[in-house]
Amino acid sequence: MKKLNEYDRDKAVYYARKWALSYNPMYANYDKYGGDCTNYISQCLKASNIPFDNIGANVIKKWYWYSEELRTPTWTAAEPFYKYIIGNNIETSDNFGIYSKIVNYNELELGDIVQLVFEGKAYHTMIITDIILDGKYLLDYHICQHTYNLKDYPLSLKEGEKRYIKIIGYYY
């Protein structure tokens, strides 16, 4: 039986802040192919100790990056990434890897994911790196992203329809 492992939010946020304004030379930079945002977010999740998922039946049910030539679209493209992390695991699934769910704005935590969406499809991916409170009242979140690299930028200043994704953990 598979076991749900805890998502290390602190490690994901640390990595996000460290590489928000530059590029980790261990990975390719996909800016020249239309954007590096989801590649960067995948790196953040991997830095939190989530292992590669090589188990799925096809590339949309797997998540890994070994090289530019040996990677899944779920690692580097916003909509396939969404389909993977939302469709990958349900309670009755035998699949491994990231387990997440769609949540409301006020349910986000550090290390959770926000996507910009147009006509129902994701085109940009960001990570929550700070929660701005006034006492117990939520004011805003800060995000980090690649493709127009930003570090601790107010989410409220990002225009467009948003999708909020909570990372629950991962099965391994």
C-alpha atoms as a PDB file:
ATOM      1  CA  MET A   1       0.000   0.000   0.000  1.00  0.00           C
ATOM      2  CA  LYS A   2       1.322   3.430  -0.870  1.00  0.00           C
ATOM      3  CA  LYS A   3       2.060   5.986   1.844  1.00  0.00           C
ATOM      4  CA  LEU A   4       1.344   9.722   1.722  1.00  0.00           C
ATOM      5  CA  ASN A   5       4.544  11.611   2.512  1.00  0.00           C
ATOM      6  CA  GLU A   6       4.661  15.174   3.799  1.00  0.00           C
ATOM      7  CA  TYR A   7       5.476  18.025   1.431  1.00  0.00           C
ATOM      8  CA  ASP A   8       8.411  20.048   2.792  1.00  0.00           C
ATOM      9  CA  ARG A   9       7.050  23.525   2.148  1.00  0.00           C
ATOM     10  CA  ASP A  10      10.060  25.243   3.704  1.00  0.00           C
ATOM     11  CA  LYS A  11      12.491  23.561   1.292  1.00  0.00           C
ATOM     12  CA  ALA A  12      10.314  24.447  -1.708  1.00  0.00           C
ATOM     13  CA  VAL A  13      10.095  28.102  -0.621  1.00  0.00           C
ATOM     14  CA  TYR A  14      13.829  28.274   0.121  1.00  0.00           C
ATOM     15  CA  TYR A  15      14.616  26.985  -3.376  1.00  0.00           C
ATOM     16  CA  ALA A  16      12.051  29.326  -4.947  1.00  0.00           C
ATOM     17  CA  ARG A  17      13.624  32.364  -3.328  1.00  0.00           C
ATOM     18  CA  LYS A  18      17.185  31.233  -4.037  1.00  0.00           C
ATOM     19  CA  TRP A  19      16.616  30.774  -7.787  1.00  0.00           C
ATOM     20  CA  ALA A  20      13.794  33.294  -8.459  1.00  0.00           C
ATOM     21  CA  LEU A  21      16.041  35.827 -10.168  1.00  0.00           C
ATOM     22  CA  SER A  22      18.545  33.412 -11.726  1.00  0.00           C
ATOM     23  CA  TYR A  23      18.709  29.895 -13.149  1.00  0.00           C
ATOM     24  CA  ASN A  24      20.005  26.715 -11.558  1.00  0.00           C
ATOM     25  CA  PRO A  25      22.695  25.462 -13.983  1.00  0.00           C
ATOM     26  CA  MET A  26      21.693  21.846 -13.222  1.00  0.00           C
ATOM     27  CA  TYR A  27      18.537  22.368 -15.313  1.00  0.00           C
ATOM     28  CA  ALA A  28      17.778  23.713 -18.772  1.00  0.00           C
ATOM     29  CA  ASN A  29      16.267  27.185 -19.187  1.00  0.00           C
ATOM     30  CA  TYR A  30      13.091  27.079 -21.300  1.00  0.00           C
ATOM     31  CA  ASP A  31      12.600  30.836 -21.758  1.00  0.00           C
ATOM     32  CA  LYS A  32      13.558  30.530 -25.431  1.00  0.00           C
ATOM     33  CA  TYR A  33      10.796  27.922 -25.908  1.00  0.00           C
ATOM     34  CA  GLY A  34       7.981  30.053 -24.546  1.00  0.00           C
ATOM     35  CA  GLY A  35       8.705  30.165 -20.834  1.00  0.00           C
ATOM     36  CA  ASP A  36      10.535  28.666 -17.895  1.00  0.00           C
ATOM     37  CA  CYS A  37       7.817  29.109 -15.259  1.00  0.00           C
ATOM     38  CA  THR A  38       6.659  25.503 -14.894  1.00  0.00           C
ATOM     39  CA  ASN A  39      10.193  24.109 -15.172  1.00  0.00           C
ATOM     40  CA  TYR A  40      11.138  26.398 -12.264  1.00  0.00           C
ATOM     41  CA  ILE A  41       8.085  25.348 -10.197  1.00  0.00           C
ATOM     42  CA  SER A  42       8.876  21.685 -10.834  1.00  0.00           C
ATOM     43  CA  GLN A  43      12.409  22.349  -9.573  1.00  0.00           C
ATOM     44  CA  CYS A  44      10.942  23.897  -6.403  1.00  0.00           C
ATOM     45  CA  LEU A  45       8.823  20.792  -5.809  1.00  0.00           C
ATOM     46  CA  LYS A  46      11.772  18.477  -6.497  1.00  0.00           C
ATOM     47  CA  ALA A  47      13.898  20.499  -4.026  1.00  0.00           C
ATOM     48  CA  SER A  48      11.293  19.711  -1.364  1.00  0.00           C
ATOM     49  CA  ASN A  49      12.270  16.022  -1.682  1.00  0.00           C
ATOM     50  CA  ILE A  50       9.384  14.984  -3.922  1.00  0.00           C
ATOM     51  CA  PRO A  51      10.881  12.203  -6.062  1.00  0.00           C
ATOM     52  CA  PHE A  52      10.493  11.868  -9.812  1.00  0.00           C
ATOM     53  CA  ASP A  53       7.436   9.896 -10.876  1.00  0.00           C
ATOM     54  CA  ASN A  54       8.271   7.341 -13.573  1.00  0.00           C
ATOM     55  CA  ILE A  55       5.294   5.072 -12.819  1.00  0.00           C
ATOM     56  CA  GLY A  56       2.399   6.465 -14.900  1.00  0.00           C
ATOM     57  CA  ALA A  57       0.921   4.863 -18.008  1.00  0.00           C
ATOM     58  CA  ASN A  58       1.943   7.781 -20.259  1.00  0.00           C
ATOM     59  CA  VAL A  59       3.918  11.051 -20.140  1.00  0.00           C
ATOM     60  CA  ILE A  60       0.955  13.006 -18.725  1.00  0.00           C
ATOM     61  CA  LYS A  61       0.882  10.597 -15.781  1.00  0.00           C
ATOM     62  CA  LYS A  62       4.630  10.900 -15.116  1.00  0.00           C
ATOM     63  CA  TRP A  63       6.738  13.799 -13.837  1.00  0.00           C
ATOM     64  CA  TYR A  64      10.517  13.963 -14.258  1.00  0.00           C
ATOM     65  CA  TRP A  65      13.449  15.837 -15.750  1.00  0.00           C
ATOM     66  CA  TYR A  66      16.767  14.081 -16.402  1.00  0.00           C
ATOM     67  CA  SER A  67      17.840  16.256 -19.340  1.00  0.00           C
ATOM     68  CA  GLU A  68      16.335  18.416 -22.079  1.00  0.00           C
ATOM     69  CA  GLU A  69      15.857  15.269 -24.145  1.00  0.00           C
ATOM     70  CA  LEU A  70      14.607  13.082 -21.278  1.00  0.00           C
ATOM     71  CA  ARG A  71      11.771  14.914 -19.543  1.00  0.00           C
ATOM     72  CA  THR A  72       8.003  14.934 -19.407  1.00  0.00           C
ATOM     73  CA  PRO A  73       5.770  17.789 -20.583  1.00  0.00           C
ATOM     74  CA  THR A  74       4.319  17.710 -17.055  1.00  0.00           C
ATOM     75  CA  TRP A  75       7.668  19.043 -15.810  1.00  0.00           C
ATOM     76  CA  THR A  76       7.896  22.010 -18.180  1.00  0.00           C
ATOM     77  CA  ALA A  77       4.436  23.007 -19.472  1.00  0.00           C
ATOM     78  CA  ALA A  78       1.696  24.670 -17.386  1.00  0.00           C
ATOM     79  CA  GLU A  79      -1.404  22.754 -18.545  1.00  0.00           C
ATOM     80  CA  PRO A  80       0.195  19.263 -18.580  1.00  0.00           C
ATOM     81  CA  PHE A  81       1.657  20.067 -15.126  1.00  0.00           C
ATOM     82  CA  TYR A  82      -1.856  20.913 -13.912  1.00  0.00           C
ATOM     83  CA  LYS A  83      -3.321  17.726 -15.378  1.00  0.00           C
ATOM     84  CA  TYR A  84      -0.586  15.699 -13.694  1.00  0.00           C
ATOM     85  CA  ILE A  85      -0.762  17.177 -10.200  1.00  0.00           C
ATOM     86  CA  ILE A  86      -4.567  17.245 -10.088  1.00  0.00           C
ATOM     87  CA  GLY A  87      -5.315  14.041 -11.996  1.00  0.00           C
ATOM     88  CA  ASN A  88      -2.372  11.983 -10.826  1.00  0.00           C
ATOM     89  CA  ASN A  89      -3.570  10.827  -7.430  1.00  0.00           C
ATOM     90  CA  ILE A  90      -6.934  10.214  -5.922  1.00  0.00           C
ATOM     91  CA  GLU A  91      -7.635   8.069  -2.883  1.00  0.00           C
ATOM     92  CA  THR A  92      -8.310   4.984  -5.013  1.00  0.00           C
ATOM     93  CA  SER A  93      -5.342   5.514  -7.360  1.00  0.00           C
ATOM     94  CA  ASP A  94      -2.385   3.175  -7.572  1.00  0.00           C
ATOM     95  CA  ASN A  95      -0.263   5.955  -9.012  1.00  0.00           C
ATOM     96  CA  PHE A  96       2.748   7.510  -7.305  1.00  0.00           C
ATOM     97  CA  GLY A  97       3.956  11.092  -7.145  1.00  0.00           C
ATOM     98  CA  ILE A  98       2.466  14.454  -6.239  1.00  0.00           C
ATOM     99  CA  TYR A  99      -0.959  14.608  -4.621  1.00  0.00           C
ATOM    100  CA  SER A 100      -2.772  17.957  -4.726  1.00  0.00           C
ATOM    101  CA  LYS A 101      -6.199  19.531  -4.976  1.00  0.00           C
ATOM    102  CA  ILE A 102      -7.869  22.719  -6.161  1.00  0.00           C
ATOM    103  CA  VAL A 103      -8.608  25.083  -3.265  1.00  0.00           C
ATOM    104  CA  ASN A 104      -9.973  28.551  -2.633  1.00  0.00           C
ATOM    105  CA  TYR A 105      -7.739  31.618  -2.451  1.00  0.00           C
ATOM    106  CA  ASN A 106      -7.834  31.806   1.356  1.00  0.00           C
ATOM    107  CA  GLU A 107      -6.722  28.160   1.757  1.00  0.00           C
ATOM    108  CA  LEU A 108      -3.248  28.589   0.256  1.00  0.00           C
ATOM    109  CA  GLU A 109      -0.108  27.869   2.280  1.00  0.00           C
ATOM    110  CA  LEU A 110       3.575  28.455   1.678  1.00  0.00           C
ATOM    111  CA  GLY A 111       4.752  26.321  -1.227  1.00  0.00           C
ATOM    112  CA  ASP A 112       1.332  26.018  -2.834  1.00  0.00           C
ATOM    113  CA  ILE A 113       0.878  26.725  -6.539  1.00  0.00           C
ATOM    114  CA  VAL A 114      -1.017  29.426  -8.407  1.00  0.00           C
ATOM    115  CA  GLN A 115      -1.655  29.248 -12.131  1.00  0.00           C
ATOM    116  CA  LEU A 116      -2.897  31.886 -14.519  1.00  0.00           C
ATOM    117  CA  VAL A 117      -5.626  30.490 -16.740  1.00  0.00           C
ATOM    118  CA  PHE A 118      -7.147  31.584 -20.046  1.00  0.00           C
ATOM    119  CA  GLU A 119     -10.203  29.852 -21.509  1.00  0.00           C
ATOM    120  CA  GLY A 120      -9.833  27.024 -19.001  1.00  0.00           C
ATOM    121  CA  LYS A 121      -6.164  26.266 -19.708  1.00  0.00           C
ATOM    122  CA  ALA A 122      -3.145  27.169 -17.612  1.00  0.00           C
ATOM    123  CA  TYR A 123      -0.481  29.292 -19.264  1.00  0.00           C
ATOM    124  CA  HIS A 124       1.649  30.363 -16.278  1.00  0.00           C
ATOM    125  CA  THR A 125       2.702  28.796 -12.957  1.00  0.00           C
ATOM    126  CA  MET A 126       3.862  30.478  -9.709  1.00  0.00           C
ATOM    127  CA  ILE A 127       4.646  29.428  -6.126  1.00  0.00           C
ATOM    128  CA  ILE A 128       3.498  31.031  -2.854  1.00  0.00           C
ATOM    129  CA  THR A 129       6.538  32.256  -0.878  1.00  0.00           C
ATOM    130  CA  ASP A 130       4.938  34.466   1.785  1.00  0.00           C
ATOM    131  CA  ILE A 131       1.563  35.044   3.394  1.00  0.00           C
ATOM    132  CA  ILE A 132       0.783  38.660   4.234  1.00  0.00           C
ATOM    133  CA  LEU A 133      -1.449  39.014   7.279  1.00  0.00           C
ATOM    134  CA  ASP A 134      -2.823  41.907   9.299  1.00  0.00           C
ATOM    135  CA  GLY A 135      -3.287  40.170  12.606  1.00  0.00           C
ATOM    136  CA  LYS A 136      -5.383  37.164  11.652  1.00  0.00           C
ATOM    137  CA  TYR A 137      -6.703  38.691   8.402  1.00  0.00           C
ATOM    138  CA  LEU A 138      -5.261  37.613   5.065  1.00  0.00           C
ATOM    139  CA  LEU A 139      -4.171  40.598   2.996  1.00  0.00           C
ATOM    140  CA  ASP A 140      -2.189  39.034   0.166  1.00  0.00           C
ATOM    141  CA  TYR A 141       0.359  36.426  -0.838  1.00  0.00           C
ATOM    142  CA  HIS A 142       3.806  36.835  -2.330  1.00  0.00           C
ATOM    143  CA  ILE A 143       4.872  34.646  -5.223  1.00  0.00           C
ATOM    144  CA  CYS A 144       8.072  33.752  -7.005  1.00  0.00           C
ATOM    145  CA  GLN A 145       8.167  32.870 -10.701  1.00  0.00           C
ATOM    146  CA  HIS A 146      10.280  32.521 -13.803  1.00  0.00           C
ATOM    147  CA  THR A 147       9.429  33.987 -17.206  1.00  0.00           C
ATOM    148  CA  TYR A 148       9.526  37.598 -16.164  1.00  0.00           C
ATOM    149  CA  ASN A 149      11.466  36.498 -13.095  1.00  0.00           C
ATOM    150  CA  LEU A 150       9.965  37.788  -9.857  1.00  0.00           C
ATOM    151  CA  LYS A 151      10.870  37.264  -6.225  1.00  0.00           C
ATOM    152  CA  ASP A 152       8.299  37.777  -3.445  1.00  0.00           C
ATOM    153  CA  TYR A 153       5.961  39.711  -5.736  1.00  0.00           C
ATOM    154  CA  PRO A 154       2.401  40.503  -4.565  1.00  0.00           C
ATOM    155  CA  LEU A 155      -0.051  38.008  -6.032  1.00  0.00           C
ATOM    156  CA  SER A 156      -2.713  40.732  -6.002  1.00  0.00           C
ATOM    157  CA  LEU A 157      -0.779  42.539  -8.756  1.00  0.00           C
ATOM    158  CA  LYS A 158      -0.951  39.536 -11.105  1.00  0.00           C
ATOM    159  CA  GLU A 159      -3.788  40.075 -13.576  1.00  0.00           C
ATOM    160  CA  GLY A 160      -5.978  37.348 -15.005  1.00  0.00           C
ATOM    161  CA  GLU A 161      -7.995  34.360 -13.915  1.00  0.00           C
ATOM    162  CA  LYS A 162      -6.217  32.297 -11.274  1.00  0.00           C
ATOM    163  CA  ARG A 163      -6.276  28.645 -10.268  1.00  0.00           C
ATOM    164  CA  TYR A 164      -5.160  27.744  -6.719  1.00  0.00           C
ATOM    165  CA  ILE A 165      -3.524  24.380  -6.069  1.00  0.00           C
ATOM    166  CA  LYS A 166      -2.660  22.982  -2.647  1.00  0.00           C
ATOM    167  CA  ILE A 167       0.131  20.428  -2.539  1.00  0.00           C
ATOM    168  CA  ILE A 168      -1.020  17.795  -0.021  1.00  0.00           C
ATOM    169  CA  GLY A 169       2.060  15.579  -0.239  1.00  0.00           C
ATOM    170  CA  TYR A 170       3.344  12.780  -2.411  1.00  0.00           C
ATOM    171  CA  TYR A 171       3.094   9.039  -2.675  1.00  0.00           C
ATOM    172  CA  TYR A 172       6.252   7.014  -2.988  1.00  0.00           C
END
